[in-house]
Amino acid sequence: MHSVWGKDVRLHVYPWPKTKDEKMNSELRAAFAPTGTLRVAINLGNPILAGRSLDTGELHGVSVDLGEALAAELEVPCLLIPYDAAGKAFAGLRDDAVDIAFFAHEPARAAEVALTNPYVLIEGCYLVREGSPVLRNEDVDREGVRLAVGEGSAYDLFLSRTLKQATIERAPTSPAVVEYFLDNNCDVAAGVRQQLEADAARTTGLRILPERFMTIRQAMAVMPSRGQDAIRFLEAFVEQKKTSGFVLRSLHHNDVQGASVPS
């Protein structure tokens, strides 16, 4: 493990074999990895995408696998830089602290970064107390309802854009949403289904509403300033990793349930 900018990172070095079009590959390397190393933002705020081993501290997950695979394709070293929230990873990409990142499709992000087609689909759901009068998704957007979300998450952006009457309160990270919901006596918690299910299993008296309120369309992202060739290359890379079964195998390898790979 190494430390860069106060963060734990993991560095992998790949061989540089001969290539058919060295000029094009050199240009792509320069576009994606101007420092000579592909710096990959890993959002630990979404357990479907990434996690950290409690035993070894190693990062794992589908975003880790995709980041390392992209570095291997470009034939450059890979530096994994973890963030505890999507909003912080977004700031890292925007501020040139990283080269690529993983975000859900949302207009606010698409206005600033280039997003590929989604490589995985995740359900966003609501959690309430057992005795709550909130029974359906439609019951959430009511005057007086206090809703806890993870600050800067995909569902924070979505709900901030779509809810009209409920009051949104923001926990510092997505994994902290249910704790915030309980400590602050909120009416509803929003999050990724798998995270909410894990939290509900640890705390009695909670239930998850049966229907998702959104489909979170996770994509890879790069700044538009890296150029159209880099954007097209990343789009093609994601499509190849989906059609080849790489993404699905990664989800299975990382024991991720409830996520799907779009066609």
C-alpha atoms as a PDB file:
ATOM      1  CA  MET A   1       0.000   0.000   0.000  1.00  0.00           C
ATOM      2  CA  HIS A   2       1.154   3.533  -0.745  1.00  0.00           C
ATOM      3  CA  SER A   3      -0.064   6.931   0.424  1.00  0.00           C
ATOM      4  CA  VAL A   4      -0.720   9.758  -2.015  1.00  0.00           C
ATOM      5  CA  TRP A   5      -2.383  13.053  -1.004  1.00  0.00           C
ATOM      6  CA  GLY A   6      -3.191  11.455   2.347  1.00  0.00           C
ATOM      7  CA  LYS A   7      -5.155   8.593   0.777  1.00  0.00           C
ATOM      8  CA  ASP A   8      -4.384   4.861   0.695  1.00  0.00           C
ATOM      9  CA  VAL A   9      -3.792   3.705  -2.841  1.00  0.00           C
ATOM     10  CA  ARG A  10      -2.791   0.547  -4.642  1.00  0.00           C
ATOM     11  CA  LEU A  11      -0.269   0.622  -7.474  1.00  0.00           C
ATOM     12  CA  HIS A  12      -0.099  -1.994 -10.240  1.00  0.00           C
ATOM     13  CA  VAL A  13       2.458  -1.957 -13.045  1.00  0.00           C
ATOM     14  CA  TYR A  14       1.724  -3.676 -16.355  1.00  0.00           C
ATOM     15  CA  PRO A  15       4.185  -4.658 -19.094  1.00  0.00           C
ATOM     16  CA  TRP A  16       4.378  -2.562 -22.240  1.00  0.00           C
ATOM     17  CA  PRO A  17       4.297  -5.031 -25.147  1.00  0.00           C
ATOM     18  CA  LYS A  18       4.752  -4.042 -28.763  1.00  0.00           C
ATOM     19  CA  THR A  19       1.649  -2.602 -30.361  1.00  0.00           C
ATOM     20  CA  LYS A  20       0.304  -2.286 -33.880  1.00  0.00           C
ATOM     21  CA  ASP A  21      -0.323   1.430 -33.712  1.00  0.00           C
ATOM     22  CA  GLU A  22       2.181   2.858 -31.275  1.00  0.00           C
ATOM     23  CA  LYS A  23       1.397   6.466 -32.216  1.00  0.00           C
ATOM     24  CA  MET A  24      -2.317   6.097 -31.439  1.00  0.00           C
ATOM     25  CA  ASN A  25      -1.595   4.181 -28.248  1.00  0.00           C
ATOM     26  CA  SER A  26       0.886   6.838 -27.136  1.00  0.00           C
ATOM     27  CA  GLU A  27      -1.695   9.548 -27.733  1.00  0.00           C
ATOM     28  CA  LEU A  28      -4.302   7.617 -25.735  1.00  0.00           C
ATOM     29  CA  ARG A  29      -1.841   7.029 -22.910  1.00  0.00           C
ATOM     30  CA  ALA A  30      -1.080  10.732 -22.807  1.00  0.00           C
ATOM     31  CA  ALA A  31      -4.806  11.577 -22.804  1.00  0.00           C
ATOM     32  CA  PHE A  32      -5.785   9.138 -20.066  1.00  0.00           C
ATOM     33  CA  ALA A  33      -2.603   9.133 -18.004  1.00  0.00           C
ATOM     34  CA  PRO A  34      -0.683  12.404 -18.435  1.00  0.00           C
ATOM     35  CA  THR A  35       1.355  11.616 -15.312  1.00  0.00           C
ATOM     36  CA  GLY A  36       2.346   8.223 -16.753  1.00  0.00           C
ATOM     37  CA  THR A  37       0.000   6.403 -14.357  1.00  0.00           C
ATOM     38  CA  LEU A  38      -3.762   5.904 -14.672  1.00  0.00           C
ATOM     39  CA  ARG A  39      -5.232   7.387 -11.473  1.00  0.00           C
ATOM     40  CA  VAL A  40      -8.579   5.704 -10.807  1.00  0.00           C
ATOM     41  CA  ALA A  41     -11.134   7.106  -8.355  1.00  0.00           C
ATOM     42  CA  ILE A  42     -12.787   4.346  -6.330  1.00  0.00           C
ATOM     43  CA  ASN A  43     -16.043   5.285  -4.577  1.00  0.00           C
ATOM     44  CA  LEU A  44     -16.300   3.280  -1.373  1.00  0.00           C
ATOM     45  CA  GLY A  45     -19.654   4.905  -0.663  1.00  0.00           C
ATOM     46  CA  ASN A  46     -21.410   2.415  -2.948  1.00  0.00           C
ATOM     47  CA  PRO A  47     -20.919  -1.210  -1.803  1.00  0.00           C
ATOM     48  CA  ILE A  48     -22.048  -2.528  -5.181  1.00  0.00           C
ATOM     49  CA  LEU A  49     -19.087  -0.859  -6.876  1.00  0.00           C
ATOM     50  CA  ALA A  50     -16.257  -1.257  -4.403  1.00  0.00           C
ATOM     51  CA  GLY A  51     -15.194  -2.195  -0.898  1.00  0.00           C
ATOM     52  CA  ARG A  52     -12.126  -2.642   1.248  1.00  0.00           C
ATOM     53  CA  SER A  53     -11.042  -5.912   2.848  1.00  0.00           C
ATOM     54  CA  LEU A  54     -11.175  -5.714   6.639  1.00  0.00           C
ATOM     55  CA  ASP A  55      -8.298  -8.199   6.827  1.00  0.00           C
ATOM     56  CA  THR A  56      -5.851  -6.799   4.270  1.00  0.00           C
ATOM     57  CA  GLY A  57      -7.111  -3.310   3.467  1.00  0.00           C
ATOM     58  CA  GLU A  58      -7.104  -4.205  -0.220  1.00  0.00           C
ATOM     59  CA  LEU A  59      -9.670  -2.563  -2.489  1.00  0.00           C
ATOM     60  CA  HIS A  60     -12.002  -4.806  -4.459  1.00  0.00           C
ATOM     61  CA  GLY A  61     -15.123  -4.574  -6.604  1.00  0.00           C
ATOM     62  CA  VAL A  62     -16.277  -4.127 -10.169  1.00  0.00           C
ATOM     63  CA  SER A  63     -14.972  -0.557 -10.402  1.00  0.00           C
ATOM     64  CA  VAL A  64     -11.565  -1.759  -9.203  1.00  0.00           C
ATOM     65  CA  ASP A  65     -11.591  -4.524 -11.813  1.00  0.00           C
ATOM     66  CA  LEU A  66     -12.599  -2.136 -14.604  1.00  0.00           C
ATOM     67  CA  GLY A  67     -10.013   0.455 -13.623  1.00  0.00           C
ATOM     68  CA  GLU A  68      -7.238  -2.117 -13.573  1.00  0.00           C
ATOM     69  CA  ALA A  69      -8.423  -3.590 -16.875  1.00  0.00           C
ATOM     70  CA  LEU A  70      -8.362  -0.144 -18.525  1.00  0.00           C
ATOM     71  CA  ALA A  71      -4.819   0.446 -17.277  1.00  0.00           C
ATOM     72  CA  ALA A  72      -3.797  -2.935 -18.668  1.00  0.00           C
ATOM     73  CA  GLU A  73      -5.361  -2.066 -22.025  1.00  0.00           C
ATOM     74  CA  LEU A  74      -3.496   1.233 -22.100  1.00  0.00           C
ATOM     75  CA  GLU A  75      -0.336  -0.507 -20.845  1.00  0.00           C
ATOM     76  CA  VAL A  76       0.254   1.922 -17.986  1.00  0.00           C
ATOM     77  CA  PRO A  77       0.499   1.538 -14.200  1.00  0.00           C
ATOM     78  CA  CYS A  78      -2.761   1.793 -12.280  1.00  0.00           C
ATOM     79  CA  LEU A  79      -3.167   3.830  -9.097  1.00  0.00           C
ATOM     80  CA  LEU A  80      -6.394   3.207  -7.138  1.00  0.00           C
ATOM     81  CA  ILE A  81      -7.461   6.232  -5.099  1.00  0.00           C
ATOM     82  CA  PRO A  82     -10.383   5.612  -2.719  1.00  0.00           C
ATOM     83  CA  TYR A  83     -13.021   8.178  -1.779  1.00  0.00           C
ATOM     84  CA  ASP A  84     -15.764   7.686   0.789  1.00  0.00           C
ATOM     85  CA  ALA A  85     -18.450   9.437  -1.277  1.00  0.00           C
ATOM     86  CA  ALA A  86     -19.351   9.960  -4.928  1.00  0.00           C
ATOM     87  CA  GLY A  87     -19.386  13.725  -4.516  1.00  0.00           C
ATOM     88  CA  LYS A  88     -15.768  13.687  -3.359  1.00  0.00           C
ATOM     89  CA  ALA A  89     -14.760  11.434  -6.268  1.00  0.00           C
ATOM     90  CA  PHE A  90     -16.518  13.838  -8.631  1.00  0.00           C
ATOM     91  CA  ALA A  91     -14.528  16.735  -7.201  1.00  0.00           C
ATOM     92  CA  GLY A  92     -11.355  14.681  -7.610  1.00  0.00           C
ATOM     93  CA  LEU A  93     -12.053  14.104 -11.303  1.00  0.00           C
ATOM     94  CA  ARG A  94     -13.053  17.712 -11.910  1.00  0.00           C
ATOM     95  CA  ASP A  95      -9.937  18.974 -10.100  1.00  0.00           C
ATOM     96  CA  ASP A  96      -7.600  16.637 -12.038  1.00  0.00           C
ATOM     97  CA  ALA A  97      -6.622  14.618  -8.957  1.00  0.00           C
ATOM     98  CA  VAL A  98      -7.699  11.461 -10.831  1.00  0.00           C
ATOM     99  CA  ASP A  99      -8.002  10.487 -14.485  1.00  0.00           C
ATOM    100  CA  ILE A 100     -11.140   8.332 -14.533  1.00  0.00           C
ATOM    101  CA  ALA A 101     -14.020   7.719 -12.162  1.00  0.00           C
ATOM    102  CA  PHE A 102     -17.337   5.889 -11.857  1.00  0.00           C
ATOM    103  CA  PHE A 103     -20.646   7.771 -11.570  1.00  0.00           C
ATOM    104  CA  ALA A 104     -24.326   7.295 -12.191  1.00  0.00           C
ATOM    105  CA  HIS A 105     -25.965   9.072 -15.092  1.00  0.00           C
ATOM    106  CA  GLU A 106     -27.459  12.326 -13.802  1.00  0.00           C
ATOM    107  CA  PRO A 107     -27.894  15.628 -15.683  1.00  0.00           C
ATOM    108  CA  ALA A 108     -25.803  17.559 -13.144  1.00  0.00           C
ATOM    109  CA  ARG A 109     -22.824  15.282 -13.747  1.00  0.00           C
ATOM    110  CA  ALA A 110     -23.337  14.841 -17.486  1.00  0.00           C
ATOM    111  CA  ALA A 111     -23.082  18.620 -17.814  1.00  0.00           C
ATOM    112  CA  GLU A 112     -19.465  18.508 -16.628  1.00  0.00           C
ATOM    113  CA  VAL A 113     -18.015  15.081 -17.428  1.00  0.00           C
ATOM    114  CA  ALA A 114     -18.168  12.592 -20.291  1.00  0.00           C
ATOM    115  CA  LEU A 115     -20.073   9.462 -19.241  1.00  0.00           C
ATOM    116  CA  THR A 116     -20.114   6.143 -21.053  1.00  0.00           C
ATOM    117  CA  ASN A 117     -23.215   4.023 -21.435  1.00  0.00           C
ATOM    118  CA  PRO A 118     -23.951   2.251 -18.132  1.00  0.00           C
ATOM    119  CA  TYR A 119     -22.052  -0.923 -17.308  1.00  0.00           C
ATOM    120  CA  VAL A 120     -24.289  -1.916 -14.374  1.00  0.00           C
ATOM    121  CA  LEU A 121     -27.797  -1.097 -13.142  1.00  0.00           C
ATOM    122  CA  ILE A 122     -28.599  -0.759  -9.430  1.00  0.00           C
ATOM    123  CA  GLU A 123     -31.886  -0.171  -7.591  1.00  0.00           C
ATOM    124  CA  GLY A 124     -32.440   2.893  -5.441  1.00  0.00           C
ATOM    125  CA  CYS A 125     -34.970   2.224  -2.666  1.00  0.00           C
ATOM    126  CA  TYR A 126     -36.560   3.713   0.440  1.00  0.00           C
ATOM    127  CA  LEU A 127     -36.312   2.433   4.023  1.00  0.00           C
ATOM    128  CA  VAL A 128     -38.725   3.315   6.842  1.00  0.00           C
ATOM    129  CA  ARG A 129     -39.630   2.149  10.349  1.00  0.00           C
ATOM    130  CA  GLU A 130     -42.080  -0.723  10.701  1.00  0.00           C
ATOM    131  CA  GLY A 131     -44.872   1.492  11.988  1.00  0.00           C
ATOM    132  CA  SER A 132     -44.383   4.250   9.428  1.00  0.00           C
ATOM    133  CA  PRO A 133     -47.449   5.472   7.489  1.00  0.00           C
ATOM    134  CA  VAL A 134     -45.199   5.566   4.420  1.00  0.00           C
ATOM    135  CA  LEU A 135     -46.271   2.444   2.514  1.00  0.00           C
ATOM    136  CA  ARG A 136     -45.549   3.334  -1.112  1.00  0.00           C
ATOM    137  CA  ASN A 137     -43.034   5.468  -2.967  1.00  0.00           C
ATOM    138  CA  GLU A 138     -45.788   7.998  -3.621  1.00  0.00           C
ATOM    139  CA  ASP A 139     -46.127   8.580   0.133  1.00  0.00           C
ATOM    140  CA  VAL A 140     -42.579   9.955   0.406  1.00  0.00           C
ATOM    141  CA  ASP A 141     -43.051  13.258  -1.383  1.00  0.00           C
ATOM    142  CA  ARG A 142     -45.363  14.801   1.197  1.00  0.00           C
ATOM    143  CA  GLU A 143     -45.085  18.002   3.189  1.00  0.00           C
ATOM    144  CA  GLY A 144     -43.410  17.346   6.522  1.00  0.00           C
ATOM    145  CA  VAL A 145     -41.618  14.156   5.427  1.00  0.00           C
ATOM    146  CA  ARG A 146     -37.888  14.257   6.242  1.00  0.00           C
ATOM    147  CA  LEU A 147     -35.761  12.131   3.924  1.00  0.00           C
ATOM    148  CA  ALA A 148     -32.143  11.142   4.621  1.00  0.00           C
ATOM    149  CA  VAL A 149     -29.743  10.682   1.672  1.00  0.00           C
ATOM    150  CA  GLY A 150     -26.000  10.388   1.169  1.00  0.00           C
ATOM    151  CA  GLU A 151     -24.589  13.774   0.204  1.00  0.00           C
ATOM    152  CA  GLY A 152     -23.638  13.972  -3.475  1.00  0.00           C
ATOM    153  CA  SER A 153     -24.872  10.446  -4.252  1.00  0.00           C
ATOM    154  CA  ALA A 154     -26.769   9.593  -7.429  1.00  0.00           C
ATOM    155  CA  TYR A 155     -30.037   9.380  -5.524  1.00  0.00           C
ATOM    156  CA  ASP A 156     -29.329  12.701  -3.767  1.00  0.00           C
ATOM    157  CA  LEU A 157     -29.059  14.350  -7.200  1.00  0.00           C
ATOM    158  CA  PHE A 158     -32.123  12.503  -8.518  1.00  0.00           C
ATOM    159  CA  LEU A 159     -34.346  13.192  -5.511  1.00  0.00           C
ATOM    160  CA  SER A 160     -33.214  16.809  -5.242  1.00  0.00           C
ATOM    161  CA  ARG A 161     -34.333  17.205  -8.841  1.00  0.00           C
ATOM    162  CA  THR A 162     -37.647  15.325  -8.610  1.00  0.00           C
ATOM    163  CA  LEU A 163     -39.126  15.683  -5.113  1.00  0.00           C
ATOM    164  CA  LYS A 164     -41.279  18.765  -4.575  1.00  0.00           C
ATOM    165  CA  GLN A 165     -42.531  18.660  -0.973  1.00  0.00           C
ATOM    166  CA  ALA A 166     -40.385  16.346   1.177  1.00  0.00           C
ATOM    167  CA  THR A 167     -37.384  17.825   2.988  1.00  0.00           C
ATOM    168  CA  ILE A 168     -34.024  16.259   2.075  1.00  0.00           C
ATOM    169  CA  GLU A 169     -31.364  15.919   4.760  1.00  0.00           C
ATOM    170  CA  ARG A 170     -27.855  14.793   3.879  1.00  0.00           C
ATOM    171  CA  ALA A 171     -25.671  12.290   5.699  1.00  0.00           C
ATOM    172  CA  PRO A 172     -21.929  12.728   4.997  1.00  0.00           C
ATOM    173  CA  THR A 173     -21.704   9.423   3.056  1.00  0.00           C
ATOM    174  CA  SER A 174     -24.082   6.812   1.687  1.00  0.00           C
ATOM    175  CA  PRO A 175     -23.090   4.097   4.198  1.00  0.00           C
ATOM    176  CA  ALA A 176     -23.956   6.557   7.002  1.00  0.00           C
ATOM    177  CA  VAL A 177     -27.519   7.220   5.778  1.00  0.00           C
ATOM    178  CA  VAL A 178     -29.391   4.755   8.002  1.00  0.00           C
ATOM    179  CA  GLU A 179     -27.420   5.799  11.073  1.00  0.00           C
ATOM    180  CA  TYR A 180     -28.257   9.428  10.289  1.00  0.00           C
ATOM    181  CA  PHE A 181     -31.910   8.469   9.693  1.00  0.00           C
ATOM    182  CA  LEU A 182     -32.108   6.810  13.113  1.00  0.00           C
ATOM    183  CA  ASP A 183     -30.114   9.390  15.076  1.00  0.00           C
ATOM    184  CA  ASN A 184     -32.043  12.326  13.642  1.00  0.00           C
ATOM    185  CA  ASN A 185     -35.484  10.697  13.668  1.00  0.00           C
ATOM    186  CA  CYS A 186     -36.010  11.118   9.918  1.00  0.00           C
ATOM    187  CA  ASP A 187     -39.070   9.593   8.295  1.00  0.00           C
ATOM    188  CA  VAL A 188     -37.395   7.907   5.325  1.00  0.00           C
ATOM    189  CA  ALA A 189     -33.894   6.837   4.282  1.00  0.00           C
ATOM    190  CA  ALA A 190     -32.934   6.519   0.624  1.00  0.00           C
ATOM    191  CA  GLY A 191     -30.119   4.399  -0.740  1.00  0.00           C
ATOM    192  CA  VAL A 192     -28.890   1.459  -2.759  1.00  0.00           C
ATOM    193  CA  ARG A 193     -31.091  -1.565  -2.044  1.00  0.00           C
ATOM    194  CA  GLN A 194     -28.201  -3.804  -0.957  1.00  0.00           C
ATOM    195  CA  GLN A 195     -26.879  -1.249   1.537  1.00  0.00           C
ATOM    196  CA  LEU A 196     -30.347  -0.701   2.990  1.00  0.00           C
ATOM    197  CA  GLU A 197     -30.966  -4.451   3.234  1.00  0.00           C
ATOM    198  CA  ALA A 198     -27.704  -4.927   5.123  1.00  0.00           C
ATOM    199  CA  ASP A 199     -28.546  -2.071   7.494  1.00  0.00           C
ATOM    200  CA  ALA A 200     -32.092  -3.365   8.047  1.00  0.00           C
ATOM    201  CA  ALA A 201     -30.726  -6.827   8.872  1.00  0.00           C
ATOM    202  CA  ARG A 202     -28.611  -5.305  11.655  1.00  0.00           C
ATOM    203  CA  THR A 203     -31.377  -3.131  13.131  1.00  0.00           C
ATOM    204  CA  THR A 204     -34.800  -4.385  14.182  1.00  0.00           C
ATOM    205  CA  GLY A 205     -37.973  -2.523  13.308  1.00  0.00           C
ATOM    206  CA  LEU A 206     -37.043  -1.365   9.800  1.00  0.00           C
ATOM    207  CA  ARG A 207     -38.520  -2.254   6.418  1.00  0.00           C
ATOM    208  CA  ILE A 208     -37.763  -1.437   2.785  1.00  0.00           C
ATOM    209  CA  LEU A 209     -40.526  -0.282   0.463  1.00  0.00           C
ATOM    210  CA  PRO A 210     -41.132  -2.958  -2.172  1.00  0.00           C
ATOM    211  CA  GLU A 211     -40.674  -0.854  -5.310  1.00  0.00           C
ATOM    212  CA  ARG A 212     -37.499   0.950  -6.370  1.00  0.00           C
ATOM    213  CA  PHE A 213     -37.801   4.692  -6.824  1.00  0.00           C
ATOM    214  CA  MET A 214     -35.026   4.830  -9.441  1.00  0.00           C
ATOM    215  CA  THR A 215     -32.617   2.740 -11.479  1.00  0.00           C
ATOM    216  CA  ILE A 216     -29.059   3.904 -10.892  1.00  0.00           C
ATOM    217  CA  ARG A 217     -27.185   3.677 -14.211  1.00  0.00           C
ATOM    218  CA  GLN A 218     -23.508   3.399 -13.306  1.00  0.00           C
ATOM    219  CA  ALA A 219     -21.003   4.537 -15.930  1.00  0.00           C
ATOM    220  CA  MET A 220     -17.308   5.266 -16.343  1.00  0.00           C
ATOM    221  CA  ALA A 221     -16.347   8.924 -16.590  1.00  0.00           C
ATOM    222  CA  VAL A 222     -13.552  11.070 -17.967  1.00  0.00           C
ATOM    223  CA  MET A 223     -13.218  14.825 -18.331  1.00  0.00           C
ATOM    224  CA  PRO A 224     -14.141  16.119 -21.823  1.00  0.00           C
ATOM    225  CA  SER A 225     -10.831  17.972 -21.905  1.00  0.00           C
ATOM    226  CA  ARG A 226      -9.077  14.632 -22.393  1.00  0.00           C
ATOM    227  CA  GLY A 227     -10.355  14.651 -25.985  1.00  0.00           C
ATOM    228  CA  GLN A 228     -12.832  12.867 -28.226  1.00  0.00           C
ATOM    229  CA  ASP A 229     -10.484   9.961 -28.963  1.00  0.00           C
ATOM    230  CA  ALA A 230     -10.234   9.192 -25.248  1.00  0.00           C
ATOM    231  CA  ILE A 231     -14.002   9.475 -24.823  1.00  0.00           C
ATOM    232  CA  ARG A 232     -14.682   7.118 -27.741  1.00  0.00           C
ATOM    233  CA  PHE A 233     -12.031   4.681 -26.506  1.00  0.00           C
ATOM    234  CA  LEU A 234     -13.619   4.589 -23.032  1.00  0.00           C
ATOM    235  CA  GLU A 235     -17.087   4.068 -24.521  1.00  0.00           C
ATOM    236  CA  ALA A 236     -15.807   1.153 -26.630  1.00  0.00           C
ATOM    237  CA  PHE A 237     -13.933  -0.279 -23.642  1.00  0.00           C
ATOM    238  CA  VAL A 238     -17.107  -0.384 -21.532  1.00  0.00           C
ATOM    239  CA  GLU A 239     -19.128  -1.990 -24.314  1.00  0.00           C
ATOM    240  CA  GLN A 240     -16.470  -4.663 -24.822  1.00  0.00           C
ATOM    241  CA  LYS A 241     -16.327  -5.421 -21.097  1.00  0.00           C
ATOM    242  CA  LYS A 242     -20.100  -5.839 -21.022  1.00  0.00           C
ATOM    243  CA  THR A 243     -20.449  -8.001 -24.122  1.00  0.00           C
ATOM    244  CA  SER A 244     -17.471 -10.196 -23.229  1.00  0.00           C
ATOM    245  CA  GLY A 245     -19.002 -11.063 -19.851  1.00  0.00           C
ATOM    246  CA  PHE A 246     -16.192  -9.337 -17.924  1.00  0.00           C
ATOM    247  CA  VAL A 247     -18.553  -7.136 -15.897  1.00  0.00           C
ATOM    248  CA  LEU A 248     -20.886 -10.018 -15.018  1.00  0.00           C
ATOM    249  CA  ARG A 249     -17.959 -12.201 -13.961  1.00  0.00           C
ATOM    250  CA  SER A 250     -16.641  -9.370 -11.815  1.00  0.00           C
ATOM    251  CA  LEU A 251     -20.016  -8.994 -10.082  1.00  0.00           C
ATOM    252  CA  HIS A 252     -20.112 -12.731  -9.386  1.00  0.00           C
ATOM    253  CA  HIS A 253     -16.497 -12.787  -8.217  1.00  0.00           C
ATOM    254  CA  ASN A 254     -17.195  -9.943  -5.802  1.00  0.00           C
ATOM    255  CA  ASP A 255     -20.398 -11.651  -4.595  1.00  0.00           C
ATOM    256  CA  VAL A 256     -22.638  -8.770  -5.674  1.00  0.00           C
ATOM    257  CA  GLN A 257     -26.335  -9.650  -5.705  1.00  0.00           C
ATOM    258  CA  GLY A 258     -29.200  -7.656  -7.184  1.00  0.00           C
ATOM    259  CA  ALA A 259     -27.259  -5.697  -9.813  1.00  0.00           C
ATOM    260  CA  SER A 260     -27.676  -6.286 -13.539  1.00  0.00           C
ATOM    261  CA  VAL A 261     -25.581  -5.667 -16.635  1.00  0.00           C
ATOM    262  CA  PRO A 262     -27.438  -3.723 -19.354  1.00  0.00           C
ATOM    263  CA  SER A 263     -27.329  -4.931 -22.930  1.00  0.00           C
END
